[in-house]
């Protein structure tokens, strides 16, 4: 199962088809999952028109009790574990379905304290992801997709 996850996860993805079909609903985004060690990936996400990624992380992938666990780290001289930002994936025989495990992945964005709610589906050649930033006090959806899942294809 771990080998299948890594095979599906590694590579370059974008949502060009979705962005061109619905440009008002979805920005054109690129994802790069570059393997940098045993089950370790440097992950970058950026809008096509920007050179700097809005997400730059190191992800370590583990198999745990018939599930796949992703642990997130901030890169730097030393990796900094991003507490509360783990994602757990189940395998249904065709694709992996992932969700964060709690509402404690805190991100300060747009002058507000938020927590991340994420859900994804990873299959052979595709990755569907929805990330939502929720206000820690009001639980209001303040950033991320308001139009459903981003649909990325491996290129």
N, C-alpha and C. Protein backbone atom coordinates (compact mmCIF):
# COMPACT_ATOMS: atom_id res chain seq x y z
N UNK A 1 0.81 -1.19 0.00
CA UNK A 1 0.00 0.00 0.00
C UNK A 1 0.86 1.27 0.00
N UNK A 2 1.93 1.28 0.79
CA UNK A 2 2.82 2.44 0.85
C UNK A 2 3.44 2.72 -0.53
N UNK A 3 3.85 1.66 -1.22
CA UNK A 3 4.46 1.83 -2.54
C UNK A 3 3.47 2.44 -3.52
N UNK A 4 2.21 2.01 -3.46
CA UNK A 4 1.18 2.55 -4.35
C UNK A 4 0.94 4.03 -4.04
N UNK A 5 0.85 4.37 -2.76
CA UNK A 5 0.65 5.77 -2.38
C UNK A 5 1.78 6.64 -2.94
N UNK A 6 3.00 6.20 -2.75
CA UNK A 6 4.15 6.99 -3.21
C UNK A 6 4.15 7.11 -4.73
N UNK A 7 3.81 6.03 -5.41
CA UNK A 7 3.72 6.08 -6.87
C UNK A 7 2.69 7.11 -7.32
N UNK A 8 1.54 7.16 -6.67
CA UNK A 8 0.49 8.11 -7.02
C UNK A 8 0.85 9.54 -6.61
N UNK A 9 1.55 9.70 -5.48
CA UNK A 9 1.81 11.01 -4.88
C UNK A 9 2.95 11.77 -5.56
N UNK A 10 3.99 11.06 -5.96
CA UNK A 10 5.18 11.71 -6.50
C UNK A 10 4.91 12.30 -7.87
N UNK A 11 5.45 13.52 -8.09
CA UNK A 11 5.38 14.10 -9.42
C UNK A 11 4.88 15.53 -9.45
N UNK A 12 4.54 15.96 -10.65
CA UNK A 12 4.05 17.31 -10.92
C UNK A 12 2.57 17.21 -11.31
N UNK A 13 1.76 18.04 -10.70
CA UNK A 13 0.33 18.08 -10.96
C UNK A 13 -0.10 19.52 -11.23
N UNK A 14 -1.14 19.69 -12.04
CA UNK A 14 -1.78 21.00 -12.13
C UNK A 14 -3.26 20.81 -12.43
N UNK A 15 -4.02 21.88 -12.26
CA UNK A 15 -5.47 21.83 -12.53
C UNK A 15 -5.83 22.67 -13.75
N UNK A 16 -5.01 22.61 -14.78
CA UNK A 16 -5.22 23.43 -15.98
C UNK A 16 -6.61 23.23 -16.57
N UNK A 17 -7.04 21.99 -16.71
CA UNK A 17 -8.35 21.72 -17.32
C UNK A 17 -9.45 22.40 -16.52
N UNK A 18 -9.42 22.24 -15.22
CA UNK A 18 -10.45 22.84 -14.36
C UNK A 18 -10.38 24.37 -14.39
N UNK A 19 -9.18 24.91 -14.31
CA UNK A 19 -9.01 26.37 -14.30
C UNK A 19 -9.45 27.00 -15.61
N UNK A 20 -9.17 26.34 -16.74
CA UNK A 20 -9.57 26.89 -18.03
C UNK A 20 -11.07 26.74 -18.26
N UNK A 21 -11.66 25.68 -17.72
CA UNK A 21 -13.09 25.45 -17.85
C UNK A 21 -13.90 26.38 -16.96
N UNK A 22 -13.38 26.68 -15.77
CA UNK A 22 -14.09 27.52 -14.80
C UNK A 22 -13.11 28.53 -14.18
N UNK A 23 -12.65 29.52 -14.96
CA UNK A 23 -11.63 30.44 -14.46
C UNK A 23 -12.09 31.33 -13.31
N UNK A 24 -13.38 31.55 -13.18
CA UNK A 24 -13.87 32.38 -12.07
C UNK A 24 -13.96 31.58 -10.78
N UNK A 25 -14.02 30.27 -10.89
CA UNK A 25 -14.16 29.43 -9.71
C UNK A 25 -12.86 28.84 -9.20
N UNK A 26 -11.86 28.68 -10.11
CA UNK A 26 -10.63 28.00 -9.73
C UNK A 26 -9.41 28.66 -10.37
N UNK A 27 -8.46 29.04 -9.53
CA UNK A 27 -7.18 29.55 -10.01
C UNK A 27 -6.37 28.40 -10.59
N UNK A 28 -5.43 28.73 -11.46
CA UNK A 28 -4.53 27.74 -12.05
C UNK A 28 -3.38 27.52 -11.07
N UNK A 29 -3.30 26.31 -10.53
CA UNK A 29 -2.33 25.99 -9.48
C UNK A 29 -1.48 24.80 -9.89
N UNK A 30 -0.21 24.87 -9.51
CA UNK A 30 0.73 23.77 -9.74
C UNK A 30 1.12 23.16 -8.40
N UNK A 31 1.24 21.84 -8.37
CA UNK A 31 1.74 21.11 -7.21
C UNK A 31 2.96 20.31 -7.64
N UNK A 32 4.01 20.37 -6.85
CA UNK A 32 5.18 19.55 -7.10
C UNK A 32 5.48 18.75 -5.85
N UNK A 33 5.53 17.43 -6.01
CA UNK A 33 5.88 16.52 -4.91
C UNK A 33 7.16 15.81 -5.32
N UNK A 34 8.29 16.37 -4.91
CA UNK A 34 9.59 15.85 -5.31
C UNK A 34 10.18 14.98 -4.20
N UNK A 35 10.52 13.76 -4.53
CA UNK A 35 11.10 12.83 -3.56
C UNK A 35 12.52 13.28 -3.24
N UNK A 36 12.80 13.44 -1.94
CA UNK A 36 14.12 13.90 -1.50
C UNK A 36 14.78 12.92 -0.55
N UNK A 37 14.13 11.81 -0.27
CA UNK A 37 14.66 10.79 0.62
C UNK A 37 13.70 9.63 0.66
N UNK A 38 14.00 8.64 1.50
CA UNK A 38 13.11 7.50 1.63
C UNK A 38 11.78 7.96 2.22
N UNK A 39 10.74 7.94 1.39
CA UNK A 39 9.39 8.32 1.79
C UNK A 39 9.31 9.76 2.30
N UNK A 40 10.18 10.62 1.79
CA UNK A 40 10.21 12.03 2.16
C UNK A 40 10.10 12.86 0.88
N UNK A 41 9.22 13.87 0.93
CA UNK A 41 8.94 14.69 -0.24
C UNK A 41 9.05 16.17 0.09
N UNK A 42 9.61 16.92 -0.86
CA UNK A 42 9.57 18.38 -0.80
C UNK A 42 8.34 18.77 -1.61
N UNK A 43 7.40 19.43 -0.97
CA UNK A 43 6.12 19.76 -1.58
C UNK A 43 6.03 21.27 -1.76
N UNK A 44 5.70 21.68 -2.98
CA UNK A 44 5.48 23.10 -3.27
C UNK A 44 4.16 23.26 -3.99
N UNK A 45 3.45 24.33 -3.63
CA UNK A 45 2.21 24.69 -4.30
C UNK A 45 2.28 26.16 -4.64
N UNK A 46 1.94 26.47 -5.89
CA UNK A 46 1.95 27.88 -6.29
C UNK A 46 0.93 28.14 -7.38
N UNK A 47 0.49 29.41 -7.42
CA UNK A 47 -0.33 29.86 -8.53
C UNK A 47 0.58 29.96 -9.73
N UNK A 48 0.08 29.63 -10.90
CA UNK A 48 0.90 29.61 -12.11
C UNK A 48 1.56 30.96 -12.36
N UNK A 49 0.87 32.05 -12.06
CA UNK A 49 1.39 33.38 -12.36
C UNK A 49 2.37 33.90 -11.30
N UNK A 50 2.64 33.13 -10.24
CA UNK A 50 3.56 33.57 -9.19
C UNK A 50 4.78 32.65 -9.14
N UNK A 51 5.94 33.24 -8.88
CA UNK A 51 7.16 32.44 -8.83
C UNK A 51 7.40 31.84 -7.44
N UNK A 52 6.89 32.49 -6.41
CA UNK A 52 7.07 31.98 -5.05
C UNK A 52 5.89 31.10 -4.65
N UNK A 53 6.17 29.92 -4.10
CA UNK A 53 5.06 29.06 -3.68
C UNK A 53 4.34 29.63 -2.46
N UNK A 54 3.04 29.38 -2.39
CA UNK A 54 2.29 29.76 -1.19
C UNK A 54 2.34 28.65 -0.16
N UNK A 55 2.80 27.48 -0.58
CA UNK A 55 3.06 26.39 0.37
C UNK A 55 4.39 25.76 0.01
N UNK A 56 5.23 25.59 1.00
CA UNK A 56 6.55 24.98 0.84
C UNK A 56 6.77 24.13 2.08
N UNK A 57 6.74 22.81 1.93
CA UNK A 57 6.79 21.93 3.09
C UNK A 57 7.57 20.67 2.77
N UNK A 58 7.98 20.01 3.81
CA UNK A 58 8.53 18.66 3.72
C UNK A 58 7.49 17.72 4.30
N UNK A 59 7.20 16.66 3.58
CA UNK A 59 6.21 15.68 4.03
C UNK A 59 6.90 14.33 4.16
N UNK A 60 6.71 13.72 5.31
CA UNK A 60 7.19 12.36 5.54
C UNK A 60 5.98 11.43 5.51
N UNK A 61 6.11 10.33 4.77
CA UNK A 61 5.00 9.40 4.53
C UNK A 61 5.27 8.11 5.29
N UNK A 62 4.27 7.67 6.05
CA UNK A 62 4.37 6.44 6.84
C UNK A 62 3.16 5.55 6.59
N UNK A 63 3.38 4.24 6.69
CA UNK A 63 2.25 3.32 6.72
C UNK A 63 1.97 3.00 8.18
N UNK A 64 0.69 3.11 8.57
CA UNK A 64 0.32 2.96 9.97
C UNK A 64 -1.03 2.26 10.07
N UNK A 65 -1.02 1.00 10.52
CA UNK A 65 -2.28 0.26 10.72
C UNK A 65 -3.19 0.30 9.50
N UNK A 66 -2.68 -0.12 8.36
CA UNK A 66 -3.45 -0.15 7.11
C UNK A 66 -3.92 1.23 6.64
N UNK A 67 -3.22 2.26 7.05
CA UNK A 67 -3.51 3.62 6.62
C UNK A 67 -2.18 4.28 6.24
N UNK A 68 -2.27 5.40 5.57
CA UNK A 68 -1.09 6.19 5.22
C UNK A 68 -1.16 7.49 6.02
N UNK A 69 -0.07 7.80 6.71
CA UNK A 69 0.02 9.00 7.53
C UNK A 69 1.03 9.95 6.91
N UNK A 70 0.63 11.20 6.70
CA UNK A 70 1.53 12.24 6.23
C UNK A 70 1.80 13.20 7.38
N UNK A 71 3.09 13.38 7.68
CA UNK A 71 3.51 14.35 8.69
C UNK A 71 4.13 15.53 7.97
N UNK A 72 3.73 16.72 8.34
CA UNK A 72 4.17 17.95 7.67
C UNK A 72 5.22 18.68 8.49
N UNK A 73 6.22 19.20 7.79
CA UNK A 73 7.32 19.94 8.41
C UNK A 73 7.59 21.20 7.61
N UNK A 74 8.00 22.25 8.31
CA UNK A 74 8.46 23.46 7.64
C UNK A 74 9.94 23.27 7.33
N UNK A 75 10.36 23.52 6.09
CA UNK A 75 11.78 23.38 5.76
C UNK A 75 12.60 24.52 6.36
N UNK A 76 13.89 24.30 6.46
CA UNK A 76 14.82 25.28 6.99
C UNK A 76 16.10 24.56 7.35
N UNK A 77 16.96 25.22 8.10
CA UNK A 77 18.19 24.55 8.54
C UNK A 77 17.85 23.27 9.29
N UNK A 78 16.82 23.35 10.12
CA UNK A 78 16.28 22.18 10.79
C UNK A 78 14.80 22.11 10.48
N UNK A 79 14.29 20.90 10.26
CA UNK A 79 12.86 20.75 10.00
C UNK A 79 12.08 21.06 11.27
N UNK A 80 10.96 21.78 11.10
CA UNK A 80 10.08 22.09 12.21
C UNK A 80 8.77 21.36 11.98
N UNK A 81 8.44 20.46 12.89
CA UNK A 81 7.20 19.69 12.80
C UNK A 81 6.00 20.62 12.95
N UNK A 82 5.02 20.48 12.06
CA UNK A 82 3.83 21.29 12.08
C UNK A 82 2.75 20.55 12.87
N UNK A 83 2.74 20.79 14.15
CA UNK A 83 1.84 20.10 15.07
C UNK A 83 0.38 20.30 14.65
N UNK A 84 -0.39 19.23 14.65
CA UNK A 84 -1.80 19.29 14.30
C UNK A 84 -2.08 19.23 12.81
N UNK A 85 -1.04 19.14 11.97
CA UNK A 85 -1.22 19.19 10.52
C UNK A 85 -1.07 17.84 9.83
N UNK A 86 -1.09 16.75 10.60
CA UNK A 86 -1.00 15.42 10.00
C UNK A 86 -2.25 15.12 9.19
N UNK A 87 -2.08 14.32 8.15
CA UNK A 87 -3.19 13.90 7.31
C UNK A 87 -3.17 12.38 7.26
N UNK A 88 -4.33 11.78 7.45
CA UNK A 88 -4.46 10.32 7.46
C UNK A 88 -5.28 9.89 6.25
N UNK A 89 -4.72 8.94 5.47
CA UNK A 89 -5.36 8.43 4.26
C UNK A 89 -5.80 6.99 4.46
N UNK A 90 -7.01 6.70 3.98
CA UNK A 90 -7.52 5.33 3.88
C UNK A 90 -7.43 4.90 2.42
N UNK A 91 -7.27 3.62 2.20
CA UNK A 91 -7.19 3.04 0.84
C UNK A 91 -8.47 2.24 0.62
N UNK A 92 -9.18 2.50 -0.48
CA UNK A 92 -10.42 1.76 -0.75
C UNK A 92 -10.25 0.71 -1.85
N UNK A 93 -9.01 0.47 -2.26
CA UNK A 93 -8.74 -0.49 -3.32
C UNK A 93 -8.55 0.17 -4.67
N UNK A 94 -8.98 1.42 -4.79
CA UNK A 94 -8.84 2.18 -6.04
C UNK A 94 -8.12 3.49 -5.83
N UNK A 95 -8.46 4.18 -4.73
CA UNK A 95 -7.86 5.48 -4.45
C UNK A 95 -7.70 5.66 -2.94
N UNK A 96 -6.91 6.67 -2.60
CA UNK A 96 -6.69 7.03 -1.21
C UNK A 96 -7.58 8.23 -0.87
N UNK A 97 -8.19 8.19 0.31
CA UNK A 97 -9.03 9.29 0.78
C UNK A 97 -8.41 9.82 2.07
N UNK A 98 -8.01 11.10 2.05
CA UNK A 98 -7.32 11.68 3.19
C UNK A 98 -8.06 12.84 3.82
N UNK A 99 -7.87 12.98 5.15
CA UNK A 99 -8.42 14.10 5.91
C UNK A 99 -7.45 14.44 7.02
N UNK A 100 -7.49 15.70 7.45
CA UNK A 100 -6.69 16.03 8.63
C UNK A 100 -7.39 15.43 9.85
N UNK A 101 -6.62 15.20 10.89
CA UNK A 101 -7.08 14.42 12.03
C UNK A 101 -7.68 15.26 13.15
N UNK A 102 -7.53 16.57 13.07
CA UNK A 102 -8.04 17.46 14.11
C UNK A 102 -8.15 18.86 13.53
N UNK A 103 -8.62 19.79 14.33
CA UNK A 103 -8.73 21.19 13.90
C UNK A 103 -7.68 22.03 14.60
N UNK A 104 -6.44 21.53 14.61
CA UNK A 104 -5.36 22.21 15.32
C UNK A 104 -4.17 22.54 14.43
N UNK A 105 -4.38 22.56 13.10
CA UNK A 105 -3.34 22.99 12.18
C UNK A 105 -3.56 24.48 11.97
N UNK A 106 -2.92 25.30 12.81
CA UNK A 106 -3.17 26.74 12.85
C UNK A 106 -2.34 27.47 11.80
N UNK A 107 -3.03 28.39 11.10
CA UNK A 107 -2.39 29.19 10.06
C UNK A 107 -2.90 30.62 10.21
N UNK A 108 -1.99 31.55 10.37
CA UNK A 108 -2.35 32.96 10.43
C UNK A 108 -2.32 33.51 9.01
N UNK A 109 -3.47 33.93 8.51
CA UNK A 109 -3.55 34.41 7.13
C UNK A 109 -4.57 35.54 7.05
N UNK A 110 -4.21 36.57 6.31
CA UNK A 110 -5.12 37.70 6.13
C UNK A 110 -5.45 38.41 7.43
N UNK A 111 -4.50 38.40 8.37
CA UNK A 111 -4.72 39.07 9.64
C UNK A 111 -5.61 38.30 10.61
N UNK A 112 -5.89 37.04 10.28
CA UNK A 112 -6.78 36.24 11.12
C UNK A 112 -6.12 34.93 11.52
N UNK A 113 -6.46 34.47 12.71
CA UNK A 113 -6.02 33.14 13.16
C UNK A 113 -7.05 32.13 12.65
N UNK A 114 -6.55 31.13 11.92
CA UNK A 114 -7.42 30.12 11.33
C UNK A 114 -6.86 28.73 11.60
N UNK A 115 -7.71 27.75 11.38
CA UNK A 115 -7.26 26.36 11.39
C UNK A 115 -7.64 25.75 10.05
N UNK A 116 -6.84 24.78 9.64
CA UNK A 116 -7.02 24.14 8.33
C UNK A 116 -7.94 22.93 8.44
N UNK A 117 -8.87 22.87 7.50
CA UNK A 117 -9.67 21.66 7.28
C UNK A 117 -9.36 21.23 5.86
N UNK A 118 -8.86 20.01 5.72
CA UNK A 118 -8.48 19.54 4.39
C UNK A 118 -9.04 18.15 4.14
N UNK A 119 -9.34 17.89 2.88
CA UNK A 119 -9.80 16.58 2.45
C UNK A 119 -9.25 16.35 1.05
N UNK A 120 -8.89 15.10 0.74
CA UNK A 120 -8.32 14.84 -0.58
C UNK A 120 -8.58 13.41 -1.02
N UNK A 121 -8.51 13.24 -2.33
CA UNK A 121 -8.59 11.94 -2.98
C UNK A 121 -7.38 11.84 -3.91
N UNK A 122 -6.61 10.77 -3.75
CA UNK A 122 -5.42 10.56 -4.57
C UNK A 122 -5.55 9.23 -5.29
N UNK A 123 -5.45 9.30 -6.61
CA UNK A 123 -5.54 8.09 -7.42
C UNK A 123 -4.45 8.08 -8.47
N UNK A 124 -4.53 7.13 -9.35
CA UNK A 124 -3.54 6.97 -10.40
C UNK A 124 -3.70 8.09 -11.43
N UNK A 125 -2.87 9.13 -11.31
CA UNK A 125 -2.87 10.24 -12.27
C UNK A 125 -3.69 11.44 -11.84
N UNK A 126 -4.28 11.42 -10.65
CA UNK A 126 -5.06 12.57 -10.21
C UNK A 126 -4.96 12.77 -8.70
N UNK A 127 -5.27 14.00 -8.31
CA UNK A 127 -5.24 14.39 -6.91
C UNK A 127 -6.30 15.47 -6.73
N UNK A 128 -7.36 15.20 -6.01
CA UNK A 128 -8.43 16.16 -5.75
C UNK A 128 -8.28 16.64 -4.31
N UNK A 129 -8.25 17.95 -4.13
CA UNK A 129 -7.96 18.52 -2.81
C UNK A 129 -8.89 19.70 -2.53
N UNK A 130 -9.37 19.77 -1.30
CA UNK A 130 -10.05 20.98 -0.84
C UNK A 130 -9.42 21.37 0.49
N UNK A 131 -8.96 22.60 0.55
CA UNK A 131 -8.40 23.19 1.77
C UNK A 131 -9.28 24.36 2.15
N UNK A 132 -9.63 24.42 3.43
CA UNK A 132 -10.43 25.53 3.93
C UNK A 132 -9.79 26.08 5.19
N UNK A 133 -9.63 27.38 5.24
CA UNK A 133 -9.17 28.05 6.44
C UNK A 133 -10.37 28.54 7.22
N UNK A 134 -10.51 28.08 8.46
CA UNK A 134 -11.66 28.40 9.29
C UNK A 134 -11.22 29.28 10.46
N UNK A 135 -11.96 30.36 10.71
CA UNK A 135 -11.66 31.25 11.82
C UNK A 135 -11.72 30.47 13.13
N UNK A 136 -10.68 30.62 13.96
CA UNK A 136 -10.60 29.84 15.21
C UNK A 136 -11.67 30.22 16.22
N UNK A 137 -12.22 31.42 16.12
CA UNK A 137 -13.24 31.86 17.07
C UNK A 137 -14.65 31.60 16.56
N UNK A 138 -14.90 31.94 15.30
CA UNK A 138 -16.26 31.87 14.77
C UNK A 138 -16.53 30.63 13.92
N UNK A 139 -15.47 29.91 13.54
CA UNK A 139 -15.55 28.76 12.62
C UNK A 139 -16.01 29.17 11.22
N UNK A 140 -15.92 30.46 10.91
CA UNK A 140 -16.28 30.96 9.59
C UNK A 140 -15.22 30.55 8.57
N UNK A 141 -15.66 30.13 7.40
CA UNK A 141 -14.78 29.78 6.29
C UNK A 141 -14.23 31.09 5.71
N UNK A 142 -12.90 31.35 5.88
CA UNK A 142 -12.35 32.64 5.48
C UNK A 142 -11.35 32.57 4.33
N UNK A 143 -10.76 31.43 4.05
CA UNK A 143 -9.86 31.31 2.91
C UNK A 143 -9.91 29.87 2.40
N UNK A 144 -9.31 29.68 1.23
CA UNK A 144 -9.33 28.36 0.60
C UNK A 144 -10.48 28.26 -0.38
N UNK A 145 -10.72 27.07 -0.86
CA UNK A 145 -11.73 26.88 -1.90
C UNK A 145 -13.14 27.08 -1.37
N UNK A 146 -13.89 27.93 -2.06
CA UNK A 146 -15.31 28.13 -1.79
C UNK A 146 -16.16 27.42 -2.85
N UNK A 147 -15.48 26.78 -3.84
CA UNK A 147 -16.17 26.20 -4.99
C UNK A 147 -15.98 24.70 -5.13
N UNK A 148 -15.54 24.04 -4.07
CA UNK A 148 -15.37 22.59 -4.14
C UNK A 148 -13.91 22.19 -4.31
N UNK A 149 -13.72 20.95 -4.66
CA UNK A 149 -12.39 20.37 -4.78
C UNK A 149 -11.63 20.92 -5.97
N UNK A 150 -10.33 21.20 -5.76
CA UNK A 150 -9.42 21.44 -6.87
C UNK A 150 -9.10 20.08 -7.47
N UNK A 151 -9.12 19.99 -8.79
CA UNK A 151 -8.90 18.71 -9.47
C UNK A 151 -7.60 18.78 -10.26
N UNK A 152 -6.57 18.15 -9.70
CA UNK A 152 -5.24 18.16 -10.29
C UNK A 152 -5.00 16.88 -11.08
N UNK A 153 -4.37 17.01 -12.22
CA UNK A 153 -3.94 15.87 -13.03
C UNK A 153 -2.42 15.81 -13.01
N UNK A 154 -1.87 14.58 -12.97
CA UNK A 154 -0.42 14.42 -13.07
C UNK A 154 -0.02 14.67 -14.51
N UNK A 155 1.06 15.40 -14.67
CA UNK A 155 1.56 15.74 -16.00
C UNK A 155 2.87 15.03 -16.26
